[in-house]
Amino acid sequence: MAPPRRRIETSFVFFDVQYVDDTRSSNRKVPATALGGLDGDEPARKIIEAQDREIGLASGRPRPEIRSISRTPVKKSEPV
């Protein structure tokens, strides 16, 4: 019998991004392992900027500069 496969646990934190041209991008995923510590959510900005560069290269249209980022609010589920 083959050994059981190990699952890799990956968790993400979602961010809403506001750009300088007043456009908005919601639910941008950032690995939770990149956050925390003394820098807080600041590493998320660098990761999202890198994602934006890749999106801009793939689409041929560069993304605008980021004005601000904030964590996407967690929706509370209603009791059944």
C-alpha atoms as a PDB file:
ATOM      1  CA  MET A   1       0.000   0.000   0.000  1.00  0.00           C
ATOM      2  CA  ALA A   2       1.297   3.461  -0.914  1.00  0.00           C
ATOM      3  CA  PRO A   3       2.051   5.896   1.906  1.00  0.00           C
ATOM      4  CA  PRO A   4      -0.563   8.612   2.417  1.00  0.00           C
ATOM      5  CA  ARG A   5       0.015  11.824   0.515  1.00  0.00           C
ATOM      6  CA  ARG A   6       0.943  14.820   2.574  1.00  0.00           C
ATOM      7  CA  ARG A   7      -1.175  17.902   2.091  1.00  0.00           C
ATOM      8  CA  ILE A   8       0.581  21.198   1.969  1.00  0.00           C
ATOM      9  CA  GLU A   9      -1.306  23.671   4.120  1.00  0.00           C
ATOM     10  CA  THR A  10      -1.419  27.027   2.424  1.00  0.00           C
ATOM     11  CA  SER A  11      -3.361  29.894   3.857  1.00  0.00           C
ATOM     12  CA  PHE A  12      -3.846  33.297   2.344  1.00  0.00           C
ATOM     13  CA  VAL A  13      -4.847  36.717   3.562  1.00  0.00           C
ATOM     14  CA  PHE A  14      -7.009  38.779   1.225  1.00  0.00           C
ATOM     15  CA  PHE A  15      -6.466  42.484   0.598  1.00  0.00           C
ATOM     16  CA  ASP A  16      -8.415  45.257  -1.104  1.00  0.00           C
ATOM     17  CA  VAL A  17      -6.240  47.598  -3.154  1.00  0.00           C
ATOM     18  CA  GLN A  18      -7.057  51.236  -3.928  1.00  0.00           C
ATOM     19  CA  TYR A  19      -5.121  52.786  -6.822  1.00  0.00           C
ATOM     20  CA  VAL A  20      -4.273  56.457  -7.400  1.00  0.00           C
ATOM     21  CA  ASP A  21      -6.722  56.631 -10.324  1.00  0.00           C
ATOM     22  CA  ASP A  22      -9.533  55.613  -7.898  1.00  0.00           C
ATOM     23  CA  THR A  23      -9.867  52.093  -9.309  1.00  0.00           C
ATOM     24  CA  ARG A  24     -10.115  49.251  -6.840  1.00  0.00           C
ATOM     25  CA  SER A  25      -9.065  45.611  -6.822  1.00  0.00           C
ATOM     26  CA  SER A  26     -10.652  43.312  -4.260  1.00  0.00           C
ATOM     27  CA  ASN A  27      -9.622  40.025  -2.682  1.00  0.00           C
ATOM     28  CA  ARG A  28      -5.963  40.010  -3.719  1.00  0.00           C
ATOM     29  CA  LYS A  29      -4.293  36.931  -2.235  1.00  0.00           C
ATOM     30  CA  VAL A  30      -1.089  37.170  -0.212  1.00  0.00           C
ATOM     31  CA  PRO A  31       0.465  34.143   1.533  1.00  0.00           C
ATOM     32  CA  ALA A  32      -0.113  34.375   5.289  1.00  0.00           C
ATOM     33  CA  THR A  33       3.473  33.248   5.911  1.00  0.00           C
ATOM     34  CA  ALA A  34       4.735  36.527   4.395  1.00  0.00           C
ATOM     35  CA  LEU A  35       2.865  38.634   6.947  1.00  0.00           C
ATOM     36  CA  GLY A  36       3.253  39.317  10.626  1.00  0.00           C
ATOM     37  CA  GLY A  37       6.268  40.138  12.686  1.00  0.00           C
ATOM     38  CA  LEU A  38       7.451  43.694  13.099  1.00  0.00           C
ATOM     39  CA  ASP A  39       6.551  44.676   9.522  1.00  0.00           C
ATOM     40  CA  GLY A  40       2.857  43.803   9.892  1.00  0.00           C
ATOM     41  CA  ASP A  41       1.091  44.022   6.535  1.00  0.00           C
ATOM     42  CA  GLU A  42       3.833  46.027   4.770  1.00  0.00           C
ATOM     43  CA  PRO A  43       5.197  42.930   2.931  1.00  0.00           C
ATOM     44  CA  ALA A  44       1.736  42.562   1.341  1.00  0.00           C
ATOM     45  CA  ARG A  45       2.247  45.837  -0.548  1.00  0.00           C
ATOM     46  CA  LYS A  46       5.482  44.552  -2.091  1.00  0.00           C
ATOM     47  CA  ILE A  47       3.865  41.239  -3.052  1.00  0.00           C
ATOM     48  CA  ILE A  48       0.839  42.960  -4.602  1.00  0.00           C
ATOM     49  CA  GLU A  49       3.120  45.390  -6.478  1.00  0.00           C
ATOM     50  CA  ALA A  50       4.991  42.375  -7.902  1.00  0.00           C
ATOM     51  CA  GLN A  51       1.672  40.775  -8.890  1.00  0.00           C
ATOM     52  CA  ASP A  52       0.652  44.033 -10.583  1.00  0.00           C
ATOM     53  CA  ARG A  53       3.909  44.129 -12.568  1.00  0.00           C
ATOM     54  CA  GLU A  54       3.255  40.581 -13.825  1.00  0.00           C
ATOM     55  CA  ILE A  55      -0.355  41.447 -14.703  1.00  0.00           C
ATOM     56  CA  GLY A  56       0.812  44.563 -16.544  1.00  0.00           C
ATOM     57  CA  LEU A  57       3.404  42.634 -18.546  1.00  0.00           C
ATOM     58  CA  ALA A  58       0.904  39.912 -19.467  1.00  0.00           C
ATOM     59  CA  SER A  59      -1.839  42.355 -20.458  1.00  0.00           C
ATOM     60  CA  GLY A  60       0.366  44.998 -22.060  1.00  0.00           C
ATOM     61  CA  ARG A  61      -1.227  47.671 -19.841  1.00  0.00           C
ATOM     62  CA  PRO A  62       0.672  48.673 -16.693  1.00  0.00           C
ATOM     63  CA  ARG A  63      -1.329  48.883 -13.473  1.00  0.00           C
ATOM     64  CA  PRO A  64      -1.581  52.288 -11.764  1.00  0.00           C
ATOM     65  CA  GLU A  65       0.358  53.099  -8.608  1.00  0.00           C
ATOM     66  CA  ILE A  66      -1.115  51.775  -5.355  1.00  0.00           C
ATOM     67  CA  ARG A  67      -2.611  54.411  -3.061  1.00  0.00           C
ATOM     68  CA  SER A  68      -3.496  52.102  -0.165  1.00  0.00           C
ATOM     69  CA  ILE A  69      -4.123  48.505   0.807  1.00  0.00           C
ATOM     70  CA  SER A  70      -6.342  47.113   3.535  1.00  0.00           C
ATOM     71  CA  ARG A  71      -7.352  43.665   4.636  1.00  0.00           C
ATOM     72  CA  THR A  72     -10.598  42.473   3.126  1.00  0.00           C
ATOM     73  CA  PRO A  73     -13.197  42.287   5.906  1.00  0.00           C
ATOM     74  CA  VAL A  74     -14.098  38.742   6.925  1.00  0.00           C
ATOM     75  CA  LYS A  75     -17.742  37.941   6.370  1.00  0.00           C
ATOM     76  CA  LYS A  76     -19.381  36.327   9.341  1.00  0.00           C
ATOM     77  CA  SER A  77     -21.534  33.371   8.450  1.00  0.00           C
ATOM     78  CA  GLU A  78     -25.093  33.365   9.676  1.00  0.00           C
ATOM     79  CA  PRO A  79     -26.160  30.540  11.966  1.00  0.00           C
ATOM     80  CA  VAL A  80     -28.237  27.902  10.251  1.00  0.00           C
END
